[in-house]
PDB file of N, CA and C in Angstrom:
ATOM      1  N   MET A   1      81.810  74.603 111.339  1.00  0.00           N
ATOM      2  CA  MET A   1      82.064  75.033 110.005  1.00  0.00           C
ATOM      3  C   MET A   1      82.232  74.015 108.671  1.00  0.00           C
ATOM      4  N   LYS A   2      81.528  74.280 107.832  1.00  0.00           N
ATOM      5  CA  LYS A   2      81.518  73.324 106.589  1.00  0.00           C
ATOM      6  C   LYS A   2      82.876  73.419 105.730  1.00  0.00           C
ATOM      7  N   LYS A   3      83.551  72.273 105.523  1.00  0.00           N
ATOM      8  CA  LYS A   3      84.618  72.452 104.761  1.00  0.00           C
ATOM      9  C   LYS A   3      84.276  72.673 103.283  1.00  0.00           C
ATOM     10  N   GLN A   4      85.384  73.565 102.780  1.00  0.00           N
ATOM     11  CA  GLN A   4      85.141  74.141 101.416  1.00  0.00           C
ATOM     12  C   GLN A   4      85.837  73.160 100.554  1.00  0.00           C
ATOM     13  N   THR A   5      85.081  73.058  99.464  1.00  0.00           N
ATOM     14  CA  THR A   5      85.478  72.057  98.283  1.00  0.00           C
ATOM     15  C   THR A   5      85.725  73.070  97.117  1.00  0.00           C
ATOM     16  N   TYR A   6      86.833  72.738  96.266  1.00  0.00           N
ATOM     17  CA  TYR A   6      87.102  73.655  95.281  1.00  0.00           C
ATOM     18  C   TYR A   6      87.209  72.756  93.768  1.00  0.00           C
ATOM     19  N   SER A   7      86.983  73.308  92.831  1.00  0.00           N
ATOM     20  CA  SER A   7      86.965  72.681  91.530  1.00  0.00           C
ATOM     21  C   SER A   7      88.407  72.523  90.870  1.00  0.00           C
ATOM     22  N   CYS A   8      89.301  73.455  91.132  1.00  0.00           N
ATOM     23  CA  CYS A   8      90.664  73.151  90.948  1.00  0.00           C
ATOM     24  C   CYS A   8      91.484  74.264  91.654  1.00  0.00           C
ATOM     25  N   GLY A   9      92.674  74.327  91.596  1.00  0.00           N
ATOM     26  CA  GLY A   9      93.651  74.985  92.255  1.00  0.00           C
ATOM     27  C   GLY A   9      93.536  76.484  92.226  1.00  0.00           C
ATOM     28  N   LEU A  10      93.302  76.910  90.850  1.00  0.00           N
ATOM     29  CA  LEU A  10      92.903  78.364  90.702  1.00  0.00           C
ATOM     30  C   LEU A  10      91.653  78.823  91.619  1.00  0.00           C
ATOM     31  N   ASP A  11      90.671  77.938  91.686  1.00  0.00           N
ATOM     32  CA  ASP A  11      89.556  78.315  92.503  1.00  0.00           C
ATOM     33  C   ASP A  11      89.917  78.496  94.054  1.00  0.00           C
ATOM     34  N   ALA A  12      90.850  77.674  94.313  1.00  0.00           N
ATOM     35  CA  ALA A  12      91.195  77.782  95.769  1.00  0.00           C
ATOM     36  C   ALA A  12      92.050  79.062  95.924  1.00  0.00           C
ATOM     37  N   ALA A  13      93.187  79.179  95.283  1.00  0.00           N
ATOM     38  CA  ALA A  13      93.804  80.440  95.244  1.00  0.00           C
ATOM     39  C   ALA A  13      93.040  81.859  95.369  1.00  0.00           C
ATOM     40  N   VAL A  14      92.135  81.845  94.186  1.00  0.00           N
ATOM     41  CA  VAL A  14      91.235  83.097  94.062  1.00  0.00           C
ATOM     42  C   VAL A  14      90.379  83.286  95.466  1.00  0.00           C
ATOM     43  N   ASP A  15      89.995  82.244  95.871  1.00  0.00           N
ATOM     44  CA  ASP A  15      89.092  82.164  97.158  1.00  0.00           C
ATOM     45  C   ASP A  15      89.865  82.907  98.285  1.00  0.00           C
ATOM     46  N   VAL A  16      91.276  82.405  98.408  1.00  0.00           N
ATOM     47  CA  VAL A  16      92.100  82.994  99.575  1.00  0.00           C
ATOM     48  C   VAL A  16      92.636  84.507  99.410  1.00  0.00           C
ATOM     49  N   VAL A  17      92.906  84.943  97.948  1.00  0.00           N
ATOM     50  CA  VAL A  17      93.370  86.025  97.691  1.00  0.00           C
ATOM     51  C   VAL A  17      92.255  87.009  96.909  1.00  0.00           C
ATOM     52  N   GLY A  18      91.139  86.508  96.773  1.00  0.00           N
ATOM     53  CA  GLY A  18      90.317  87.224  95.898  1.00  0.00           C
ATOM     54  C   GLY A  18      89.856  88.681  96.528  1.00  0.00           C
ATOM     55  N   GLY A  19      89.287  89.505  95.737  1.00  0.00           N
ATOM     56  CA  GLY A  19      89.011  91.089  96.083  1.00  0.00           C
ATOM     57  C   GLY A  19      90.038  91.832  95.554  1.00  0.00           C
ATOM     58  N   LYS A  20      89.789  93.234  96.068  1.00  0.00           N
ATOM     59  CA  LYS A  20      90.679  94.123  95.456  1.00  0.00           C
ATOM     60  C   LYS A  20      91.884  94.266  96.393  1.00  0.00           C
ATOM     61  N   TRP A  21      91.908  94.230  97.682  1.00  0.00           N
ATOM     62  CA  TRP A  21      92.714  94.555  98.805  1.00  0.00           C
ATOM     63  C   TRP A  21      93.776  93.590  99.045  1.00  0.00           C
ATOM     64  N   LYS A  22      93.504  92.483  99.003  1.00  0.00           N
ATOM     65  CA  LYS A  22      94.285  91.280  99.651  1.00  0.00           C
ATOM     66  C   LYS A  22      95.660  91.242  99.054  1.00  0.00           C
ATOM     67  N   ALA A  23      95.576  91.216  97.666  1.00  0.00           N
ATOM     68  CA  ALA A  23      96.883  91.287  96.979  1.00  0.00           C
ATOM     69  C   ALA A  23      97.767  92.448  97.223  1.00  0.00           C
ATOM     70  N   LEU A  24      97.181  93.483  97.336  1.00  0.00           N
ATOM     71  CA  LEU A  24      98.109  94.825  97.560  1.00  0.00           C
ATOM     72  C   LEU A  24      98.602  94.884  99.091  1.00  0.00           C
ATOM     73  N   ILE A  25      97.620  94.241  99.905  1.00  0.00           N
ATOM     74  CA  ILE A  25      98.348  94.345 101.368  1.00  0.00           C
ATOM     75  C   ILE A  25      99.493  93.252 101.522  1.00  0.00           C
ATOM     76  N   LEU A  26      99.297  91.937 100.690  1.00  0.00           N
ATOM     77  CA  LEU A  26     100.555  91.054 100.675  1.00  0.00           C
ATOM     78  C   LEU A  26     101.687  91.707 100.076  1.00  0.00           C
ATOM     79  N   TRP A  27     101.386  92.526  98.843  1.00  0.00           N
ATOM     80  CA  TRP A  27     102.561  93.051  98.402  1.00  0.00           C
ATOM     81  C   TRP A  27     103.325  94.238  99.378  1.00  0.00           C
ATOM     82  N   ALA A  28     102.472  94.746 100.000  1.00  0.00           N
ATOM     83  CA  ALA A  28     102.871  95.989 100.817  1.00  0.00           C
ATOM     84  C   ALA A  28     103.835  95.180 102.117  1.00  0.00           C
ATOM     85  N   LEU A  29     103.280  94.120 102.567  1.00  0.00           N
ATOM     86  CA  LEU A  29     104.109  93.299 103.455  1.00  0.00           C
ATOM     87  C   LEU A  29     105.252  92.434 102.880  1.00  0.00           C
ATOM     88  N   HIS A  30     105.367  92.709 101.507  1.00  0.00           N
ATOM     89  CA  HIS A  30     106.508  91.687 101.087  1.00  0.00           C
ATOM     90  C   HIS A  30     108.050  91.870 101.563  1.00  0.00           C
ATOM     91  N   TYR A  31     108.211  93.029 102.051  1.00  0.00           N
ATOM     92  CA  TYR A  31     109.741  93.330 102.448  1.00  0.00           C
ATOM     93  C   TYR A  31     109.861  93.370 103.991  1.00  0.00           C
ATOM     94  N   GLY A  32     108.747  93.134 104.718  1.00  0.00           N
ATOM     95  CA  GLY A  32     108.719  92.987 106.014  1.00  0.00           C
ATOM     96  C   GLY A  32     107.698  93.588 106.742  1.00  0.00           C
ATOM     97  N   ALA A  33     107.687  93.511 108.204  1.00  0.00           N
ATOM     98  CA  ALA A  33     106.600  93.737 109.010  1.00  0.00           C
ATOM     99  C   ALA A  33     106.343  95.269 108.943  1.00  0.00           C
ATOM    100  N   LEU A  34     105.055  95.451 108.897  1.00  0.00           N
ATOM    101  CA  LEU A  34     104.596  97.219 109.150  1.00  0.00           C
ATOM    102  C   LEU A  34     103.645  97.434 110.043  1.00  0.00           C
ATOM    103  N   ARG A  35     103.641  98.515 110.975  1.00  0.00           N
ATOM    104  CA  ARG A  35     102.584  98.856 111.598  1.00  0.00           C
ATOM    105  C   ARG A  35     101.389  99.180 110.815  1.00  0.00           C
ATOM    106  N   PHE A  36     100.164  99.058 111.573  1.00  0.00           N
ATOM    107  CA  PHE A  36      98.856  99.549 110.910  1.00  0.00           C
ATOM    108  C   PHE A  36      99.007 100.751 110.051  1.00  0.00           C
ATOM    109  N   GLY A  37      99.269 102.047 110.647  1.00  0.00           N
ATOM    110  CA  GLY A  37      99.618 103.135 110.044  1.00  0.00           C
ATOM    111  C   GLY A  37     100.373 103.181 108.754  1.00  0.00           C
ATOM    112  N   GLU A  38     101.325 102.534 108.925  1.00  0.00           N
ATOM    113  CA  GLU A  38     102.435 102.328 107.671  1.00  0.00           C
ATOM    114  C   GLU A  38     101.658 101.584 106.542  1.00  0.00           C
ATOM    115  N   LEU A  39     101.066 100.473 107.038  1.00  0.00           N
ATOM    116  CA  LEU A  39     100.380  99.584 106.191  1.00  0.00           C
ATOM    117  C   LEU A  39      99.255 100.385 105.378  1.00  0.00           C
ATOM    118  N   ASN A  40      98.307 101.088 106.056  1.00  0.00           N
ATOM    119  CA  ASN A  40      97.431 101.827 105.669  1.00  0.00           C
ATOM    120  C   ASN A  40      97.847 102.977 104.810  1.00  0.00           C
ATOM    121  N   ARG A  41      99.073 103.502 104.978  1.00  0.00           N
ATOM    122  CA  ARG A  41      99.665 104.560 104.032  1.00  0.00           C
ATOM    123  C   ARG A  41     100.170 103.790 102.663  1.00  0.00           C
ATOM    124  N   ARG A  42     100.659 102.768 102.741  1.00  0.00           N
ATOM    125  CA  ARG A  42     101.232 101.973 101.410  1.00  0.00           C
ATOM    126  C   ARG A  42     100.202 101.355 100.587  1.00  0.00           C
ATOM    127  N   VAL A  43      98.950 100.997 101.216  1.00  0.00           N
ATOM    128  CA  VAL A  43      97.814 100.523 100.287  1.00  0.00           C
ATOM    129  C   VAL A  43      96.881 101.797 100.037  1.00  0.00           C
ATOM    130  N   SER A  44      97.442 102.321  99.175  1.00  0.00           N
ATOM    131  CA  SER A  44      96.515 103.662  98.622  1.00  0.00           C
ATOM    132  C   SER A  44      94.836 103.360  98.254  1.00  0.00           C
ATOM    133  N   GLY A  45      93.932 104.185  99.139  1.00  0.00           N
ATOM    134  CA  GLY A  45      92.730 103.961  98.702  1.00  0.00           C
ATOM    135  C   GLY A  45      91.979 103.324  99.674  1.00  0.00           C
ATOM    136  N   ILE A  46      92.613 102.379 100.478  1.00  0.00           N
ATOM    137  CA  ILE A  46      91.893 101.544 101.416  1.00  0.00           C
ATOM    138  C   ILE A  46      91.421 102.422 102.749  1.00  0.00           C
ATOM    139  N   SER A  47      90.181 102.017 103.052  1.00  0.00           N
ATOM    140  CA  SER A  47      89.598 102.655 104.543  1.00  0.00           C
ATOM    141  C   SER A  47      90.459 101.972 105.493  1.00  0.00           C
ATOM    142  N   GLU A  48      90.272 102.413 106.806  1.00  0.00           N
ATOM    143  CA  GLU A  48      90.808 101.972 108.076  1.00  0.00           C
ATOM    144  C   GLU A  48      89.951 100.820 108.175  1.00  0.00           C
ATOM    145  N   LYS A  49      88.615 100.953 108.035  1.00  0.00           N
ATOM    146  CA  LYS A  49      87.755  99.902 108.449  1.00  0.00           C
ATOM    147  C   LYS A  49      87.859  98.519 107.558  1.00  0.00           C
ATOM    148  N   MET A  50      88.098  98.749 106.228  1.00  0.00           N
ATOM    149  CA  MET A  50      88.340  97.737 105.233  1.00  0.00           C
ATOM    150  C   MET A  50      89.698  97.077 105.515  1.00  0.00           C
ATOM    151  N   LEU A  51      90.730  97.822 105.855  1.00  0.00           N
ATOM    152  CA  LEU A  51      92.091  97.444 106.076  1.00  0.00           C
ATOM    153  C   LEU A  51      91.995  96.416 107.237  1.00  0.00           C
ATOM    154  N   ILE A  52      91.139  96.888 108.366  1.00  0.00           N
ATOM    155  CA  ILE A  52      91.060  96.038 109.464  1.00  0.00           C
ATOM    156  C   ILE A  52      90.356  94.544 109.248  1.00  0.00           C
ATOM    157  N   GLN A  53      89.385  94.818 108.449  1.00  0.00           N
ATOM    158  CA  GLN A  53      88.557  93.397 108.004  1.00  0.00           C
ATOM    159  C   GLN A  53      89.480  92.661 107.153  1.00  0.00           C
ATOM    160  N   GLN A  54      89.971  93.279 106.193  1.00  0.00           N
ATOM    161  CA  GLN A  54      90.921  92.481 105.227  1.00  0.00           C
ATOM    162  C   GLN A  54      92.181  91.635 106.004  1.00  0.00           C
ATOM    163  N   LEU A  55      92.701  92.300 106.903  1.00  0.00           N
ATOM    164  CA  LEU A  55      93.898  91.832 107.737  1.00  0.00           C
ATOM    165  C   LEU A  55      93.211  90.696 108.627  1.00  0.00           C
ATOM    166  N   ARG A  56      92.025  91.022 109.334  1.00  0.00           N
ATOM    167  CA  ARG A  56      91.492  89.767 110.024  1.00  0.00           C
ATOM    168  C   ARG A  56      91.288  88.450 109.360  1.00  0.00           C
ATOM    169  N   GLU A  57      90.820  88.756 108.059  1.00  0.00           N
ATOM    170  CA  GLU A  57      90.665  87.750 107.314  1.00  0.00           C
ATOM    171  C   GLU A  57      91.823  86.835 106.614  1.00  0.00           C
ATOM    172  N   MET A  58      92.964  87.664 106.494  1.00  0.00           N
ATOM    173  CA  MET A  58      94.032  87.311 106.077  1.00  0.00           C
ATOM    174  C   MET A  58      94.685  86.546 107.224  1.00  0.00           C
ATOM    175  N   GLU A  59      94.442  86.955 108.303  1.00  0.00           N
ATOM    176  CA  GLU A  59      95.137  86.389 109.522  1.00  0.00           C
ATOM    177  C   GLU A  59      94.366  84.927 109.727  1.00  0.00           C
ATOM    178  N   SER A  60      93.099  84.844 109.490  1.00  0.00           N
ATOM    179  CA  SER A  60      92.321  83.695 109.636  1.00  0.00           C
ATOM    180  C   SER A  60      92.706  82.695 108.639  1.00  0.00           C
ATOM    181  N   TYR A  61      93.282  83.089 107.327  1.00  0.00           N
ATOM    182  CA  TYR A  61      93.501  82.103 106.381  1.00  0.00           C
ATOM    183  C   TYR A  61      95.270  81.773 106.813  1.00  0.00           C
ATOM    184  N   GLY A  62      95.881  82.485 107.649  1.00  0.00           N
ATOM    185  CA  GLY A  62      97.319  82.000 108.109  1.00  0.00           C
ATOM    186  C   GLY A  62      98.059  82.775 107.104  1.00  0.00           C
ATOM    187  N   LEU A  63      97.921  83.913 106.274  1.00  0.00           N
ATOM    188  CA  LEU A  63      98.580  84.476 105.534  1.00  0.00           C
ATOM    189  C   LEU A  63      99.340  85.580 106.204  1.00  0.00           C
ATOM    190  N   VAL A  64      98.879  86.200 107.196  1.00  0.00           N
ATOM    191  CA  VAL A  64      99.310  87.097 107.929  1.00  0.00           C
ATOM    192  C   VAL A  64      99.568  87.085 109.540  1.00  0.00           C
ATOM    193  N   HIS A  65     100.488  87.546 110.158  1.00  0.00           N
ATOM    194  CA  HIS A  65     100.843  87.134 111.620  1.00  0.00           C
ATOM    195  C   HIS A  65     100.722  88.626 112.126  1.00  0.00           C
ATOM    196  N   ARG A  66      99.802  88.410 113.385  1.00  0.00           N
ATOM    197  CA  ARG A  66      99.698  89.895 113.766  1.00  0.00           C
ATOM    198  C   ARG A  66     100.531  89.778 115.445  1.00  0.00           C
ATOM    199  N   GLU A  67     101.443  90.755 115.434  1.00  0.00           N
ATOM    200  CA  GLU A  67     102.413  90.554 116.585  1.00  0.00           C
ATOM    201  C   GLU A  67     101.934  91.628 117.557  1.00  0.00           C
ATOM    202  N   VAL A  68     101.474  91.595 118.683  1.00  0.00           N
ATOM    203  CA  VAL A  68     101.254  92.665 119.727  1.00  0.00           C
ATOM    204  C   VAL A  68     102.300  92.729 120.679  1.00  0.00           C
ATOM    205  N   TYR A  69     102.947  93.988 120.685  1.00  0.00           N
ATOM    206  CA  TYR A  69     103.865  94.274 121.747  1.00  0.00           C
ATOM    207  C   TYR A  69     103.182  95.082 122.981  1.00  0.00           C
ATOM    208  N   HIS A  70     103.248  94.289 124.215  1.00  0.00           N
ATOM    209  CA  HIS A  70     102.575  95.025 125.174  1.00  0.00           C
ATOM    210  C   HIS A  70     103.475  95.980 125.870  1.00  0.00           C
ATOM    211  N   GLN A  71     103.337  97.430 125.495  1.00  0.00           N
ATOM    212  CA  GLN A  71     104.138  98.550 125.921  1.00  0.00           C
ATOM    213  C   GLN A  71     103.100  99.647 125.764  1.00  0.00           C
ATOM    214  N   VAL A  72     103.858 100.724 126.403  1.00  0.00           N
ATOM    215  CA  VAL A  72     102.866 101.963 126.319  1.00  0.00           C
ATOM    216  C   VAL A  72     103.821 103.035 125.218  1.00  0.00           C
ATOM    217  N   PRO A  73     103.151 103.399 124.262  1.00  0.00           N
ATOM    218  CA  PRO A  73     101.853 103.180 123.837  1.00  0.00           C
ATOM    219  C   PRO A  73     101.893 101.789 123.050  1.00  0.00           C
ATOM    220  N   PRO A  74     100.696 101.098 123.071  1.00  0.00           N
ATOM    221  CA  PRO A  74     100.619  99.933 122.461  1.00  0.00           C
ATOM    222  C   PRO A  74     101.101  99.625 121.061  1.00  0.00           C
ATOM    223  N   LYS A  75     101.823  98.700 120.441  1.00  0.00           N
ATOM    224  CA  LYS A  75     102.262  98.604 119.415  1.00  0.00           C
ATOM    225  C   LYS A  75     101.917  97.054 118.656  1.00  0.00           C
ATOM    226  N   VAL A  76     101.443  97.165 117.328  1.00  0.00           N
ATOM    227  CA  VAL A  76     101.044  96.144 116.914  1.00  0.00           C
ATOM    228  C   VAL A  76     101.794  96.238 115.404  1.00  0.00           C
ATOM    229  N   GLU A  77     102.264  94.927 115.005  1.00  0.00           N
ATOM    230  CA  GLU A  77     102.867  94.934 113.756  1.00  0.00           C
ATOM    231  C   GLU A  77     102.253  93.528 112.893  1.00  0.00           C
ATOM    232  N   TYR A  78     102.259  93.652 111.525  1.00  0.00           N
ATOM    233  CA  TYR A  78     101.569  92.709 110.741  1.00  0.00           C
ATOM    234  C   TYR A  78     103.031  92.454 109.799  1.00  0.00           C
ATOM    235  N   SER A  79     102.939  90.938 109.585  1.00  0.00           N
ATOM    236  CA  SER A  79     103.931  90.551 108.695  1.00  0.00           C
ATOM    237  C   SER A  79     103.532  89.265 108.111  1.00  0.00           C
ATOM    238  N   LEU A  80     104.057  88.917 107.111  1.00  0.00           N
ATOM    239  CA  LEU A  80     103.669  87.668 106.224  1.00  0.00           C
ATOM    240  C   LEU A  80     104.173  86.362 106.900  1.00  0.00           C
ATOM    241  N   THR A  81     103.168  85.323 106.827  1.00  0.00           N
ATOM    242  CA  THR A  81     103.908  84.025 107.358  1.00  0.00           C
ATOM    243  C   THR A  81     104.569  83.388 106.245  1.00  0.00           C
ATOM    244  N   GLU A  82     104.939  82.302 106.429  1.00  0.00           N
ATOM    245  CA  GLU A  82     105.579  81.479 105.315  1.00  0.00           C
ATOM    246  C   GLU A  82     104.532  81.280 104.240  1.00  0.00           C
ATOM    247  N   PHE A  83     103.217  80.789 104.763  1.00  0.00           N
ATOM    248  CA  PHE A  83     102.234  80.665 103.887  1.00  0.00           C
ATOM    249  C   PHE A  83     101.926  81.850 102.823  1.00  0.00           C
ATOM    250  N   GLY A  84     101.896  82.923 103.695  1.00  0.00           N
ATOM    251  CA  GLY A  84     101.695  84.298 102.904  1.00  0.00           C
ATOM    252  C   GLY A  84     102.844  84.572 101.915  1.00  0.00           C
ATOM    253  N   HIS A  85     104.142  84.372 102.434  1.00  0.00           N
ATOM    254  CA  HIS A  85     105.143  84.510 101.367  1.00  0.00           C
ATOM    255  C   HIS A  85     105.194  83.677 100.046  1.00  0.00           C
ATOM    256  N   SER A  86     104.558  82.458 100.268  1.00  0.00           N
ATOM    257  CA  SER A  86     104.596  81.536  99.203  1.00  0.00           C
ATOM    258  C   SER A  86     103.389  82.118  98.294  1.00  0.00           C
ATOM    259  N   LEU A  87     102.387  82.747  98.750  1.00  0.00           N
ATOM    260  CA  LEU A  87     101.311  83.258  98.018  1.00  0.00           C
ATOM    261  C   LEU A  87     101.680  84.451  97.028  1.00  0.00           C
ATOM    262  N   ASN A  88     102.599  85.354  97.707  1.00  0.00           N
ATOM    263  CA  ASN A  88     103.166  86.574  97.172  1.00  0.00           C
ATOM    264  C   ASN A  88     104.122  86.094  96.037  1.00  0.00           C
ATOM    265  N   THR A  89     104.877  85.114  96.253  1.00  0.00           N
ATOM    266  CA  THR A  89     105.629  84.552  95.127  1.00  0.00           C
ATOM    267  C   THR A  89     104.999  84.182  94.184  1.00  0.00           C
ATOM    268  N   ALA A  90     103.702  83.551  94.400  1.00  0.00           N
ATOM    269  CA  ALA A  90     103.055  83.092  93.141  1.00  0.00           C
ATOM    270  C   ALA A  90     102.392  84.310  92.332  1.00  0.00           C
ATOM    271  N   LEU A  91     102.021  85.279  93.081  1.00  0.00           N
ATOM    272  CA  LEU A  91     101.588  86.465  92.588  1.00  0.00           C
ATOM    273  C   LEU A  91     102.428  87.480  91.700  1.00  0.00           C
ATOM    274  N   ILE A  92     103.829  87.275  91.973  1.00  0.00           N
ATOM    275  CA  ILE A  92     104.801  87.965  91.434  1.00  0.00           C
ATOM    276  C   ILE A  92     104.642  87.881  89.604  1.00  0.00           C
ATOM    277  N   PRO A  93     104.706  86.659  89.063  1.00  0.00           N
ATOM    278  CA  PRO A  93     104.293  86.549  87.611  1.00  0.00           C
ATOM    279  C   PRO A  93     103.021  87.464  87.198  1.00  0.00           C
ATOM    280  N   LEU A  94     102.029  87.362  87.858  1.00  0.00           N
ATOM    281  CA  LEU A  94     100.702  88.200  87.681  1.00  0.00           C
ATOM    282  C   LEU A  94     101.024  89.551  87.575  1.00  0.00           C
ATOM    283  N   GLY A  95     101.758  90.087  88.533  1.00  0.00           N
ATOM    284  CA  GLY A  95     102.054  91.653  88.676  1.00  0.00           C
ATOM    285  C   GLY A  95     102.973  91.738  87.467  1.00  0.00           C
ATOM    286  N   GLU A  96     103.959  91.199  87.198  1.00  0.00           N
ATOM    287  CA  GLU A  96     104.856  91.423  86.051  1.00  0.00           C
ATOM    288  C   GLU A  96     103.923  91.425  84.633  1.00  0.00           C
ATOM    289  N   TRP A  97     102.997  90.557  84.557  1.00  0.00           N
ATOM    290  CA  TRP A  97     102.160  90.349  83.503  1.00  0.00           C
ATOM    291  C   TRP A  97     101.320  91.855  83.263  1.00  0.00           C
ATOM    292  N   GLY A  98     100.935  92.312  84.556  1.00  0.00           N
ATOM    293  CA  GLY A  98      99.918  93.467  84.637  1.00  0.00           C
ATOM    294  C   GLY A  98     100.793  94.603  84.240  1.00  0.00           C
ATOM    295  N   GLU A  99     101.979  94.702  84.689  1.00  0.00           N
ATOM    296  CA  GLU A  99     102.901  95.740  84.267  1.00  0.00           C
ATOM    297  C   GLU A  99     103.239  95.786  82.959  1.00  0.00           C
ATOM    298  N   ILE A 100     103.604  94.496  82.049  1.00  0.00           N
ATOM    299  CA  ILE A 100     103.653  94.433  80.657  1.00  0.00           C
ATOM    300  C   ILE A 100     102.553  95.217  79.917  1.00  0.00           C
ATOM    301  N   HIS A 101     101.181  94.915  80.475  1.00  0.00           N
ATOM    302  CA  HIS A 101      99.969  95.137  79.685  1.00  0.00           C
ATOM    303  C   HIS A 101      99.346  96.024  80.234  1.00  0.00           C
ATOM    304  N   MET A 102      99.742  96.918  81.098  1.00  0.00           N
ATOM    305  CA  MET A 102      99.103  97.983  81.776  1.00  0.00           C
ATOM    306  C   MET A 102      98.200  98.997  80.871  1.00  0.00           C
ATOM    307  N   GLU A 103      99.093  99.431  79.878  1.00  0.00           N
ATOM    308  CA  GLU A 103      98.405 100.553  78.890  1.00  0.00           C
ATOM    309  C   GLU A 103      97.226  99.906  78.269  1.00  0.00           C
ATOM    310  N   THR A 104      97.251  98.660  77.817  1.00  0.00           N
ATOM    311  CA  THR A 104      96.148  98.063  77.213  1.00  0.00           C
ATOM    312  C   THR A 104      95.028  97.751  78.000  1.00  0.00           C
ATOM    313  N   ILE A 105      95.404  97.300  79.429  1.00  0.00           N
ATOM    314  CA  ILE A 105      94.290  97.244  80.373  1.00  0.00           C
ATOM    315  C   ILE A 105      93.639  98.261  80.678  1.00  0.00           C
ATOM    316  N   GLU A 106      94.460  99.870  80.852  1.00  0.00           N
ATOM    317  CA  GLU A 106      93.860 100.888  81.059  1.00  0.00           C
ATOM    318  C   GLU A 106      92.791 101.376  80.019  1.00  0.00           C
ATOM    319  N   ALA A 107      93.157 100.874  78.883  1.00  0.00           N
ATOM    320  CA  ALA A 107      92.482 101.498  77.699  1.00  0.00           C
ATOM    321  C   ALA A 107      91.296 100.692  77.397  1.00  0.00           C
ATOM    322  N   LEU A 108      91.082  99.381  78.150  1.00  0.00           N
ATOM    323  CA  LEU A 108      89.617  98.687  77.962  1.00  0.00           C
ATOM    324  C   LEU A 108      88.485  99.526  78.344  1.00  0.00           C
ATOM    325  N   PRO A 109      87.533  99.245  77.618  1.00  0.00           N
ATOM    326  CA  PRO A 109      86.211 100.011  77.974  1.00  0.00           C
ATOM    327  C   PRO A 109      85.605  99.178  79.314  1.00  0.00           C
ATOM    328  N   ARG A 110      84.982  99.948  80.028  1.00  0.00           N
ATOM    329  CA  ARG A 110      84.702  99.402  81.390  1.00  0.00           C
ATOM    330  C   ARG A 110      83.021  99.451  81.417  1.00  0.00           C
ATOM    331  N   PRO A 111      82.447  98.225  81.862  1.00  0.00           N
ATOM    332  CA  PRO A 111      81.026  98.112  81.630  1.00  0.00           C
ATOM    333  C   PRO A 111      80.328  99.148  82.600  1.00  0.00           C
TER     334      PRO A 111
END
C-alpha cells in the first residue's frame, strides 16, 4: 500500500473524517460503547450498509474499536479508541460553530 502524503494538517484530518457520516458516528459514540442497532438509530438517515462500511473504514483508521462478545445471541459493541476520542475533541469547536450559525447555513442557497 502506498503511503499517503498531505499538504497540511487539515488535509490529513479531512481525509480521516471526510464525508457526511463519520463525524456523526464519532459523535454518537462520544459517551460510550453502542451496539450496531443503537448506533444505527442514533445516526439518523444512514443505511445499514453505509453504517457497516463507515465503521469498517473508521476501524481501519484506528478511530473505532469493535468488540465481539462470543455469546448466544452474538453481541458486538463499537466504541471510540483514544485516537477517536482525540478527533472528537477536535470536532467539538466545529460543532459549536455550526450550532451558532445553523440558521445562516440553512438559509444559504444550494447549487
